């Protein structure tokens, strides 16, 4: 017999996920996939949302900066990168989530 309280405790949602606009995340994901070959200056095999940016795609720290700047132009937004950390750069999808949750509101 399964205790439902135990089962529900396994599904812990990050409160920061609530701040992510799904439409903006989707646009950020599309933008990252579009811009990666340009930033890396080479053709890439099919890149998925779960692809590791550094190990699989070959992103470097300098290219990460360029990608974020290009993404700001592509999406016409400003991204607050103050709180970015290694986990946010783990995959294409985690970066898209970070971008969607860290857009600076226009005054």
PDB file of N, CA and C in Angstrom:
ATOM      1  N   UNK A   1       0.849  -1.182   0.000  1.00  0.00           N
ATOM      2  CA  UNK A   1       0.000   0.000   0.000  1.00  0.00           C
ATOM      3  C   UNK A   1       0.891   1.242   0.000  1.00  0.00           C
ATOM      4  N   UNK A   2       0.507   2.223  -0.783  1.00  0.00           N
ATOM      5  CA  UNK A   2       1.314   3.417  -0.930  1.00  0.00           C
ATOM      6  C   UNK A   2       0.704   4.560  -0.138  1.00  0.00           C
ATOM      7  N   UNK A   3       1.546   5.245   0.598  1.00  0.00           N
ATOM      8  CA  UNK A   3       1.104   6.403   1.371  1.00  0.00           C
ATOM      9  C   UNK A   3       1.131   7.620   0.449  1.00  0.00           C
ATOM     10  N   UNK A   4      -0.016   8.244   0.207  1.00  0.00           N
ATOM     11  CA  UNK A   4      -0.086   9.366  -0.736  1.00  0.00           C
ATOM     12  C   UNK A   4       0.709  10.568  -0.256  1.00  0.00           C
ATOM     13  N   UNK A   5       0.853  10.759   1.035  1.00  0.00           N
ATOM     14  CA  UNK A   5       1.657  11.877   1.547  1.00  0.00           C
ATOM     15  C   UNK A   5       3.110  11.678   1.172  1.00  0.00           C
ATOM     16  N   UNK A   6       3.578  10.434   1.234  1.00  0.00           N
ATOM     17  CA  UNK A   6       4.956  10.142   0.864  1.00  0.00           C
ATOM     18  C   UNK A   6       5.152  10.367  -0.624  1.00  0.00           C
ATOM     19  N   UNK A   7       4.200   9.917  -1.446  1.00  0.00           N
ATOM     20  CA  UNK A   7       4.320  10.071  -2.886  1.00  0.00           C
ATOM     21  C   UNK A   7       4.351  11.536  -3.295  1.00  0.00           C
ATOM     22  N   UNK A   8       3.512  12.361  -2.710  1.00  0.00           N
ATOM     23  CA  UNK A   8       3.472  13.768  -3.096  1.00  0.00           C
ATOM     24  C   UNK A   8       4.722  14.519  -2.660  1.00  0.00           C
ATOM     25  N   UNK A   9       5.395  14.041  -1.635  1.00  0.00           N
ATOM     26  CA  UNK A   9       6.601  14.737  -1.183  1.00  0.00           C
ATOM     27  C   UNK A   9       7.756  14.556  -2.154  1.00  0.00           C
ATOM     28  N   UNK A  10       7.648  13.561  -3.044  1.00  0.00           N
ATOM     29  CA  UNK A  10       8.690  13.337  -4.037  1.00  0.00           C
ATOM     30  C   UNK A  10       8.671  14.436  -5.091  1.00  0.00           C
ATOM     31  N   UNK A  11       7.515  14.974  -5.359  1.00  0.00           N
ATOM     32  CA  UNK A  11       7.377  16.011  -6.375  1.00  0.00           C
ATOM     33  C   UNK A  11       7.514  17.388  -5.748  1.00  0.00           C
ATOM     34  N   UNK A  12       8.735  17.836  -5.628  1.00  0.00           N
ATOM     35  CA  UNK A  12       8.996  19.147  -5.047  1.00  0.00           C
ATOM     36  C   UNK A  12       9.225  20.117  -6.186  1.00  0.00           C
ATOM     37  N   UNK A  13       8.436  21.163  -6.229  1.00  0.00           N
ATOM     38  CA  UNK A  13       8.552  22.160  -7.284  1.00  0.00           C
ATOM     39  C   UNK A  13       9.381  23.330  -6.790  1.00  0.00           C
ATOM     40  N   UNK A  14      10.284  23.768  -7.645  1.00  0.00           N
ATOM     41  CA  UNK A  14      11.110  24.930  -7.347  1.00  0.00           C
ATOM     42  C   UNK A  14      10.227  26.174  -7.431  1.00  0.00           C
ATOM     43  N   UNK A  15      10.166  27.007  -6.374  1.00  0.00           N
ATOM     44  CA  UNK A  15       9.335  28.210  -6.412  1.00  0.00           C
ATOM     45  C   UNK A  15       9.712  29.161  -7.541  1.00  0.00           C
ATOM     46  N   UNK A  16      10.964  29.125  -7.984  1.00  0.00           N
ATOM     47  CA  UNK A  16      11.388  30.003  -9.064  1.00  0.00           C
ATOM     48  C   UNK A  16      10.711  29.642 -10.377  1.00  0.00           C
ATOM     49  N   UNK A  17      10.245  28.379 -10.515  1.00  0.00           N
ATOM     50  CA  UNK A  17       9.564  27.964 -11.737  1.00  0.00           C
ATOM     51  C   UNK A  17       8.293  28.762 -11.973  1.00  0.00           C
ATOM     52  N   UNK A  18       7.647  29.228 -10.905  1.00  0.00           N
ATOM     53  CA  UNK A  18       6.424  29.995 -11.039  1.00  0.00           C
ATOM     54  C   UNK A  18       6.672  31.330 -11.734  1.00  0.00           C
ATOM     55  N   UNK A  19       7.891  31.848 -11.670  1.00  0.00           N
ATOM     56  CA  UNK A  19       8.213  33.147 -12.234  1.00  0.00           C
ATOM     57  C   UNK A  19       8.560  33.056 -13.723  1.00  0.00           C
ATOM     58  N   UNK A  20       8.616  31.844 -14.282  1.00  0.00           N
ATOM     59  CA  UNK A  20       9.022  31.664 -15.665  1.00  0.00           C
ATOM     60  C   UNK A  20       7.805  31.706 -16.580  1.00  0.00           C
ATOM     61  N   UNK A  21       7.832  32.627 -17.522  1.00  0.00           N
ATOM     62  CA  UNK A  21       6.787  32.757 -18.535  1.00  0.00           C
ATOM     63  C   UNK A  21       7.007  31.655 -19.581  1.00  0.00           C
ATOM     64  N   UNK A  22       6.080  30.704 -19.720  1.00  0.00           N
ATOM     65  CA  UNK A  22       6.285  29.579 -20.648  1.00  0.00           C
ATOM     66  C   UNK A  22       6.468  30.023 -22.099  1.00  0.00           C
ATOM     67  N   UNK A  23       5.780  31.080 -22.513  1.00  0.00           N
ATOM     68  CA  UNK A  23       5.914  31.563 -23.884  1.00  0.00           C
ATOM     69  C   UNK A  23       7.304  32.157 -24.102  1.00  0.00           C
ATOM     70  N   UNK A  24       7.793  32.919 -23.121  1.00  0.00           N
ATOM     71  CA  UNK A  24       9.132  33.495 -23.227  1.00  0.00           C
ATOM     72  C   UNK A  24      10.191  32.401 -23.166  1.00  0.00           C
ATOM     73  N   UNK A  25       9.962  31.384 -22.335  1.00  0.00           N
ATOM     74  CA  UNK A  25      10.907  30.268 -22.260  1.00  0.00           C
ATOM     75  C   UNK A  25      11.001  29.561 -23.607  1.00  0.00           C
ATOM     76  N   UNK A  26       9.865  29.362 -24.261  1.00  0.00           N
ATOM     77  CA  UNK A  26       9.840  28.723 -25.571  1.00  0.00           C
ATOM     78  C   UNK A  26      10.582  29.567 -26.608  1.00  0.00           C
ATOM     79  N   UNK A  27      10.362  30.876 -26.574  1.00  0.00           N
ATOM     80  CA  UNK A  27      11.076  31.779 -27.487  1.00  0.00           C
ATOM     81  C   UNK A  27      12.576  31.781 -27.204  1.00  0.00           C
ATOM     82  N   UNK A  28      12.929  31.744 -25.914  1.00  0.00           N
ATOM     83  CA  UNK A  28      14.351  31.704 -25.542  1.00  0.00           C
ATOM     84  C   UNK A  28      14.985  30.403 -26.030  1.00  0.00           C
ATOM     85  N   UNK A  29      14.293  29.303 -25.869  1.00  0.00           N
ATOM     86  CA  UNK A  29      14.789  28.005 -26.326  1.00  0.00           C
ATOM     87  C   UNK A  29      15.019  28.020 -27.835  1.00  0.00           C
ATOM     88  N   UNK A  30      14.037  28.507 -28.580  1.00  0.00           N
ATOM     89  CA  UNK A  30      14.183  28.602 -30.034  1.00  0.00           C
ATOM     90  C   UNK A  30      15.358  29.509 -30.404  1.00  0.00           C
ATOM     91  N   UNK A  31      15.496  30.622 -29.687  1.00  0.00           N
ATOM     92  CA  UNK A  31      16.589  31.552 -29.959  1.00  0.00           C
ATOM     93  C   UNK A  31      17.949  30.942 -29.689  1.00  0.00           C
ATOM     94  N   UNK A  32      18.068  30.214 -28.589  1.00  0.00           N
ATOM     95  CA  UNK A  32      19.339  29.563 -28.256  1.00  0.00           C
ATOM     96  C   UNK A  32      19.716  28.575 -29.354  1.00  0.00           C
ATOM     97  N   UNK A  33      18.753  27.753 -29.765  1.00  0.00           N
ATOM     98  CA  UNK A  33      19.019  26.753 -30.803  1.00  0.00           C
ATOM     99  C   UNK A  33      19.384  27.411 -32.131  1.00  0.00           C
ATOM    100  N   UNK A  34      18.790  28.552 -32.435  1.00  0.00           N
ATOM    101  CA  UNK A  34      19.093  29.283 -33.654  1.00  0.00           C
ATOM    102  C   UNK A  34      20.479  29.933 -33.599  1.00  0.00           C
ATOM    103  N   UNK A  35      20.810  30.501 -32.435  1.00  0.00           N
ATOM    104  CA  UNK A  35      22.038  31.295 -32.311  1.00  0.00           C
ATOM    105  C   UNK A  35      23.295  30.483 -32.021  1.00  0.00           C
ATOM    106  N   UNK A  36      23.163  29.298 -31.465  1.00  0.00           N
ATOM    107  CA  UNK A  36      24.349  28.508 -31.106  1.00  0.00           C
ATOM    108  C   UNK A  36      25.329  28.313 -32.269  1.00  0.00           C
ATOM    109  N   UNK A  37      24.874  27.895 -33.456  1.00  0.00           N
ATOM    110  CA  UNK A  37      25.838  27.726 -34.554  1.00  0.00           C
ATOM    111  C   UNK A  37      26.555  29.024 -34.929  1.00  0.00           C
ATOM    112  N   UNK A  38      25.842  30.153 -34.867  1.00  0.00           N
ATOM    113  CA  UNK A  38      26.457  31.441 -35.192  1.00  0.00           C
ATOM    114  C   UNK A  38      27.514  31.815 -34.150  1.00  0.00           C
ATOM    115  N   UNK A  39      27.174  31.632 -32.878  1.00  0.00           N
ATOM    116  CA  UNK A  39      28.097  31.987 -31.799  1.00  0.00           C
ATOM    117  C   UNK A  39      29.325  31.070 -31.812  1.00  0.00           C
ATOM    118  N   UNK A  40      29.099  29.789 -32.064  1.00  0.00           N
ATOM    119  CA  UNK A  40      30.207  28.828 -32.070  1.00  0.00           C
ATOM    120  C   UNK A  40      30.947  28.789 -33.403  1.00  0.00           C
ATOM    121  N   UNK A  41      30.383  29.491 -34.404  1.00  0.00           N
ATOM    122  CA  UNK A  41      30.994  29.602 -35.731  1.00  0.00           C
ATOM    123  C   UNK A  41      31.245  28.239 -36.388  1.00  0.00           C
ATOM    124  N   UNK A  42      30.243  27.356 -36.217  1.00  0.00           N
ATOM    125  CA  UNK A  42      30.311  26.042 -36.861  1.00  0.00           C
ATOM    126  C   UNK A  42      28.921  25.413 -36.880  1.00  0.00           C
ATOM    127  N   UNK A  43      28.741  24.512 -37.831  1.00  0.00           N
ATOM    128  CA  UNK A  43      27.489  23.764 -37.889  1.00  0.00           C
ATOM    129  C   UNK A  43      27.447  22.790 -36.728  1.00  0.00           C
ATOM    130  N   UNK A  44      26.266  22.575 -36.215  1.00  0.00           N
ATOM    131  CA  UNK A  44      26.090  21.648 -35.101  1.00  0.00           C
ATOM    132  C   UNK A  44      25.162  20.519 -35.516  1.00  0.00           C
ATOM    133  N   UNK A  45      25.414  19.329 -34.976  1.00  0.00           N
ATOM    134  CA  UNK A  45      24.425  18.277 -35.181  1.00  0.00           C
ATOM    135  C   UNK A  45      23.140  18.693 -34.462  1.00  0.00           C
ATOM    136  N   UNK A  46      22.085  17.938 -34.627  1.00  0.00           N
ATOM    137  CA  UNK A  46      20.830  18.299 -33.980  1.00  0.00           C
ATOM    138  C   UNK A  46      21.035  18.461 -32.475  1.00  0.00           C
ATOM    139  N   UNK A  47      20.699  19.630 -31.971  1.00  0.00           N
ATOM    140  CA  UNK A  47      20.841  19.944 -30.550  1.00  0.00           C
ATOM    141  C   UNK A  47      19.455  19.903 -29.925  1.00  0.00           C
ATOM    142  N   UNK A  48      19.335  19.205 -28.808  1.00  0.00           N
ATOM    143  CA  UNK A  48      18.046  19.115 -28.126  1.00  0.00           C
ATOM    144  C   UNK A  48      18.046  19.994 -26.883  1.00  0.00           C
ATOM    145  N   UNK A  49      16.883  20.129 -26.289  1.00  0.00           N
ATOM    146  CA  UNK A  49      16.723  20.916 -25.074  1.00  0.00           C
ATOM    147  C   UNK A  49      17.575  20.366 -23.932  1.00  0.00           C
ATOM    148  N   UNK A  50      17.812  19.068 -23.911  1.00  0.00           N
ATOM    149  CA  UNK A  50      18.570  18.434 -22.830  1.00  0.00           C
ATOM    150  C   UNK A  50      20.069  18.379 -23.088  1.00  0.00           C
ATOM    151  N   UNK A  51      20.520  18.903 -24.218  1.00  0.00           N
ATOM    152  CA  UNK A  51      21.942  18.858 -24.550  1.00  0.00           C
ATOM    153  C   UNK A  51      22.750  19.694 -23.556  1.00  0.00           C
ATOM    154  N   UNK A  52      23.830  19.124 -23.064  1.00  0.00           N
ATOM    155  CA  UNK A  52      24.732  19.816 -22.136  1.00  0.00           C
ATOM    156  C   UNK A  52      25.515  20.865 -22.923  1.00  0.00           C
ATOM    157  N   UNK A  53      25.392  22.120 -22.500  1.00  0.00           N
ATOM    158  CA  UNK A  53      26.002  23.217 -23.247  1.00  0.00           C
ATOM    159  C   UNK A  53      27.520  23.111 -23.364  1.00  0.00           C
ATOM    160  N   UNK A  54      28.187  22.705 -22.311  1.00  0.00           N
ATOM    161  CA  UNK A  54      29.647  22.660 -22.342  1.00  0.00           C
ATOM    162  C   UNK A  54      30.175  21.339 -22.887  1.00  0.00           C
ATOM    163  N   UNK A  55      29.699  20.219 -22.359  1.00  0.00           N
ATOM    164  CA  UNK A  55      30.231  18.916 -22.751  1.00  0.00           C
ATOM    165  C   UNK A  55      29.793  18.465 -24.134  1.00  0.00           C
ATOM    166  N   UNK A  56      28.517  18.641 -24.460  1.00  0.00           N
ATOM    167  CA  UNK A  56      28.003  18.151 -25.731  1.00  0.00           C
ATOM    168  C   UNK A  56      28.078  19.182 -26.852  1.00  0.00           C
ATOM    169  N   UNK A  57      27.731  20.425 -26.546  1.00  0.00           N
ATOM    170  CA  UNK A  57      27.658  21.461 -27.573  1.00  0.00           C
ATOM    171  C   UNK A  57      29.013  22.137 -27.773  1.00  0.00           C
ATOM    172  N   UNK A  58      29.841  22.191 -26.732  1.00  0.00           N
ATOM    173  CA  UNK A  58      31.161  22.795 -26.841  1.00  0.00           C
ATOM    174  C   UNK A  58      31.205  24.279 -26.535  1.00  0.00           C
ATOM    175  N   UNK A  59      30.218  24.760 -25.775  1.00  0.00           N
ATOM    176  CA  UNK A  59      30.194  26.164 -25.382  1.00  0.00           C
ATOM    177  C   UNK A  59      31.352  26.464 -24.436  1.00  0.00           C
ATOM    178  N   UNK A  60      31.924  27.637 -24.563  1.00  0.00           N
ATOM    179  CA  UNK A  60      32.982  28.099 -23.656  1.00  0.00           C
ATOM    180  C   UNK A  60      32.425  29.275 -22.858  1.00  0.00           C
ATOM    181  N   UNK A  61      33.172  29.724 -21.864  1.00  0.00           N
ATOM    182  CA  UNK A  61      32.694  30.857 -21.065  1.00  0.00           C
ATOM    183  C   UNK A  61      32.571  32.116 -21.920  1.00  0.00           C
ATOM    184  N   UNK A  62      33.519  32.335 -22.825  1.00  0.00           N
ATOM    185  CA  UNK A  62      33.442  33.506 -23.709  1.00  0.00           C
ATOM    186  C   UNK A  62      32.249  33.396 -24.646  1.00  0.00           C
ATOM    187  N   UNK A  63      32.011  32.211 -25.183  1.00  0.00           N
ATOM    188  CA  UNK A  63      30.877  32.001 -26.083  1.00  0.00           C
ATOM    189  C   UNK A  63      29.553  32.131 -25.327  1.00  0.00           C
ATOM    190  N   UNK A  64      29.539  31.776 -24.046  1.00  0.00           N
ATOM    191  CA  UNK A  64      28.331  31.922 -23.237  1.00  0.00           C
ATOM    192  C   UNK A  64      27.933  33.390 -23.155  1.00  0.00           C
ATOM    193  N   UNK A  65      28.906  34.239 -22.910  1.00  0.00           N
ATOM    194  CA  UNK A  65      28.656  35.676 -22.858  1.00  0.00           C
ATOM    195  C   UNK A  65      28.120  36.187 -24.189  1.00  0.00           C
ATOM    196  N   UNK A  66      28.746  35.771 -25.273  1.00  0.00           N
ATOM    197  CA  UNK A  66      28.304  36.180 -26.602  1.00  0.00           C
ATOM    198  C   UNK A  66      26.887  35.672 -26.882  1.00  0.00           C
ATOM    199  N   UNK A  67      26.603  34.432 -26.492  1.00  0.00           N
ATOM    200  CA  UNK A  67      25.272  33.858 -26.696  1.00  0.00           C
ATOM    201  C   UNK A  67      24.211  34.663 -25.960  1.00  0.00           C
ATOM    202  N   UNK A  68      24.486  35.026 -24.726  1.00  0.00           N
ATOM    203  CA  UNK A  68      23.512  35.790 -23.947  1.00  0.00           C
ATOM    204  C   UNK A  68      23.284  37.171 -24.563  1.00  0.00           C
ATOM    205  N   UNK A  69      24.347  37.822 -25.024  1.00  0.00           N
ATOM    206  CA  UNK A  69      24.202  39.129 -25.674  1.00  0.00           C
ATOM    207  C   UNK A  69      23.401  39.010 -26.971  1.00  0.00           C
ATOM    208  N   UNK A  70      23.697  37.992 -27.765  1.00  0.00           N
ATOM    209  CA  UNK A  70      22.953  37.759 -29.010  1.00  0.00           C
ATOM    210  C   UNK A  70      21.485  37.452 -28.703  1.00  0.00           C
ATOM    211  N   UNK A  71      21.251  36.691 -27.649  1.00  0.00           N
ATOM    212  CA  UNK A  71      19.893  36.325 -27.257  1.00  0.00           C
ATOM    213  C   UNK A  71      19.096  37.551 -26.820  1.00  0.00           C
ATOM    214  N   UNK A  72      19.754  38.457 -26.112  1.00  0.00           N
ATOM    215  CA  UNK A  72      19.088  39.710 -25.731  1.00  0.00           C
ATOM    216  C   UNK A  72      18.619  40.462 -26.975  1.00  0.00           C
ATOM    217  N   UNK A  73      19.476  40.553 -27.977  1.00  0.00           N
ATOM    218  CA  UNK A  73      19.112  41.239 -29.224  1.00  0.00           C
ATOM    219  C   UNK A  73      17.991  40.488 -29.939  1.00  0.00           C
ATOM    220  N   UNK A  74      18.115  39.178 -30.014  1.00  0.00           N
ATOM    221  CA  UNK A  74      17.135  38.355 -30.717  1.00  0.00           C
ATOM    222  C   UNK A  74      15.745  38.462 -30.086  1.00  0.00           C
ATOM    223  N   UNK A  75      15.691  38.443 -28.756  1.00  0.00           N
ATOM    224  CA  UNK A  75      14.413  38.491 -28.041  1.00  0.00           C
ATOM    225  C   UNK A  75      13.959  39.912 -27.740  1.00  0.00           C
ATOM    226  N   UNK A  76      14.857  40.878 -27.970  1.00  0.00           N
ATOM    227  CA  UNK A  76      14.595  42.284 -27.657  1.00  0.00           C
ATOM    228  C   UNK A  76      14.260  42.466 -26.172  1.00  0.00           C
ATOM    229  N   UNK A  77      15.119  41.893 -25.322  1.00  0.00           N
ATOM    230  CA  UNK A  77      14.980  41.990 -23.870  1.00  0.00           C
ATOM    231  C   UNK A  77      16.357  42.237 -23.263  1.00  0.00           C
ATOM    232  N   UNK A  78      16.354  42.586 -21.993  1.00  0.00           N
ATOM    233  CA  UNK A  78      17.596  42.672 -21.230  1.00  0.00           C
ATOM    234  C   UNK A  78      17.531  41.594 -20.163  1.00  0.00           C
ATOM    235  N   UNK A  79      18.598  40.816 -20.046  1.00  0.00           N
ATOM    236  CA  UNK A  79      18.637  39.694 -19.117  1.00  0.00           C
ATOM    237  C   UNK A  79      19.525  40.042 -17.931  1.00  0.00           C
ATOM    238  N   UNK A  80      19.013  39.827 -16.726  1.00  0.00           N
ATOM    239  CA  UNK A  80      19.780  40.049 -15.499  1.00  0.00           C
ATOM    240  C   UNK A  80      20.624  38.805 -15.249  1.00  0.00           C
ATOM    241  N   UNK A  81      21.926  38.913 -15.503  1.00  0.00           N
ATOM    242  CA  UNK A  81      22.813  37.756 -15.371  1.00  0.00           C
ATOM    243  C   UNK A  81      23.543  37.716 -14.026  1.00  0.00           C
ATOM    244  N   UNK A  82      23.197  38.625 -13.124  1.00  0.00           N
ATOM    245  CA  UNK A  82      23.862  38.675 -11.813  1.00  0.00           C
ATOM    246  C   UNK A  82      23.818  37.338 -11.080  1.00  0.00           C
ATOM    247  N   UNK A  83      22.685  36.654 -11.114  1.00  0.00           N
ATOM    248  CA  UNK A  83      22.529  35.436 -10.336  1.00  0.00           C
ATOM    249  C   UNK A  83      22.772  34.150 -11.105  1.00  0.00           C
ATOM    250  N   UNK A  84      23.318  34.244 -12.328  1.00  0.00           N
ATOM    251  CA  UNK A  84      23.522  33.030 -13.118  1.00  0.00           C
ATOM    252  C   UNK A  84      24.605  32.171 -12.475  1.00  0.00           C
ATOM    253  N   UNK A  85      24.369  30.867 -12.459  1.00  0.00           N
ATOM    254  CA  UNK A  85      25.376  29.958 -11.917  1.00  0.00           C
ATOM    255  C   UNK A  85      25.514  28.741 -12.822  1.00  0.00           C
ATOM    256  N   UNK A  86      26.383  27.842 -12.459  1.00  0.00           N
ATOM    257  CA  UNK A  86      26.705  26.667 -13.268  1.00  0.00           C
ATOM    258  C   UNK A  86      25.464  25.831 -13.581  1.00  0.00           C
ATOM    259  N   UNK A  87      24.539  25.698 -12.642  1.00  0.00           N
ATOM    260  CA  UNK A  87      23.323  24.916 -12.874  1.00  0.00           C
ATOM    261  C   UNK A  87      22.460  25.528 -13.973  1.00  0.00           C
ATOM    262  N   UNK A  88      22.464  26.857 -14.081  1.00  0.00           N
ATOM    263  CA  UNK A  88      21.677  27.533 -15.113  1.00  0.00           C
ATOM    264  C   UNK A  88      22.247  27.283 -16.505  1.00  0.00           C
ATOM    265  N   UNK A  89      23.502  26.893 -16.568  1.00  0.00           N
ATOM    266  CA  UNK A  89      24.184  26.644 -17.841  1.00  0.00           C
ATOM    267  C   UNK A  89      24.358  25.154 -18.111  1.00  0.00           C
ATOM    268  N   UNK A  90      23.660  24.330 -17.350  1.00  0.00           N
ATOM    269  CA  UNK A  90      23.799  22.879 -17.474  1.00  0.00           C
ATOM    270  C   UNK A  90      23.349  22.378 -18.845  1.00  0.00           C
ATOM    271  N   UNK A  91      22.228  22.900 -19.351  1.00  0.00           N
ATOM    272  CA  UNK A  91      21.699  22.438 -20.634  1.00  0.00           C
ATOM    273  C   UNK A  91      21.042  23.600 -21.377  1.00  0.00           C
ATOM    274  N   UNK A  92      20.673  23.325 -22.602  1.00  0.00           N
ATOM    275  CA  UNK A  92      19.965  24.328 -23.396  1.00  0.00           C
ATOM    276  C   UNK A  92      18.672  24.724 -22.684  1.00  0.00           C
ATOM    277  N   UNK A  93      17.962  23.745 -22.149  1.00  0.00           N
ATOM    278  CA  UNK A  93      16.694  24.002 -21.476  1.00  0.00           C
ATOM    279  C   UNK A  93      16.835  24.789 -20.188  1.00  0.00           C
ATOM    280  N   UNK A  94      17.880  24.490 -19.401  1.00  0.00           N
ATOM    281  CA  UNK A  94      18.057  25.236 -18.150  1.00  0.00           C
ATOM    282  C   UNK A  94      18.425  26.689 -18.436  1.00  0.00           C
ATOM    283  N   UNK A  95      19.190  26.919 -19.497  1.00  0.00           N
ATOM    284  CA  UNK A  95      19.513  28.299 -19.871  1.00  0.00           C
ATOM    285  C   UNK A  95      18.259  29.034 -20.339  1.00  0.00           C
ATOM    286  N   UNK A  96      17.416  28.358 -21.114  1.00  0.00           N
ATOM    287  CA  UNK A  96      16.163  28.976 -21.567  1.00  0.00           C
ATOM    288  C   UNK A  96      15.283  29.334 -20.368  1.00  0.00           C
ATOM    289  N   UNK A  97      15.232  28.462 -19.375  1.00  0.00           N
ATOM    290  CA  UNK A  97      14.467  28.739 -18.165  1.00  0.00           C
ATOM    291  C   UNK A  97      15.033  29.918 -17.394  1.00  0.00           C
ATOM    292  N   UNK A  98      16.365  29.975 -17.308  1.00  0.00           N
ATOM    293  CA  UNK A  98      17.004  31.101 -16.620  1.00  0.00           C
ATOM    294  C   UNK A  98      16.655  32.414 -17.316  1.00  0.00           C
ATOM    295  N   UNK A  99      16.794  32.424 -18.645  1.00  0.00           N
ATOM    296  CA  UNK A  99      16.512  33.636 -19.415  1.00  0.00           C
ATOM    297  C   UNK A  99      15.079  34.084 -19.183  1.00  0.00           C
ATOM    298  N   UNK A 100      14.134  33.162 -19.278  1.00  0.00           N
ATOM    299  CA  UNK A 100      12.722  33.500 -19.119  1.00  0.00           C
ATOM    300  C   UNK A 100      12.406  34.021 -17.721  1.00  0.00           C
ATOM    301  N   UNK A 101      13.160  33.587 -16.732  1.00  0.00           N
ATOM    302  CA  UNK A 101      12.911  34.027 -15.362  1.00  0.00           C
ATOM    303  C   UNK A 101      13.722  35.224 -14.920  1.00  0.00           C
ATOM    304  N   UNK A 102      14.601  35.737 -15.797  1.00  0.00           N
ATOM    305  CA  UNK A 102      15.489  36.834 -15.397  1.00  0.00           C
ATOM    306  C   UNK A 102      15.517  37.992 -16.390  1.00  0.00           C
ATOM    307  N   UNK A 103      14.394  38.240 -17.026  1.00  0.00           N
ATOM    308  CA  UNK A 103      14.291  39.391 -17.919  1.00  0.00           C
ATOM    309  C   UNK A 103      14.049  40.627 -17.051  1.00  0.00           C
ATOM    310  N   UNK A 104      14.798  41.667 -17.345  1.00  0.00           N
ATOM    311  CA  UNK A 104      14.649  42.928 -16.612  1.00  0.00           C
ATOM    312  C   UNK A 104      13.492  43.703 -17.223  1.00  0.00           C
ATOM    313  N   UNK A 105      12.530  44.075 -16.394  1.00  0.00           N
ATOM    314  CA  UNK A 105      11.358  44.820 -16.856  1.00  0.00           C
ATOM    315  C   UNK A 105      11.782  46.206 -17.326  1.00  0.00           C
ATOM    316  N   UNK A 106      11.178  46.633 -18.412  1.00  0.00           N
ATOM    317  CA  UNK A 106      11.453  47.983 -18.924  1.00  0.00           C
ATOM    318  C   UNK A 106      10.749  49.005 -18.057  1.00  0.00           C
ATOM    319  N   UNK A 107      11.404  50.134 -17.862  1.00  0.00           N
ATOM    320  CA  UNK A 107      10.802  51.202 -17.058  1.00  0.00           C
ATOM    321  C   UNK A 107       9.814  52.006 -17.852  1.00  0.00           C
TER     322      UNK A 107
END
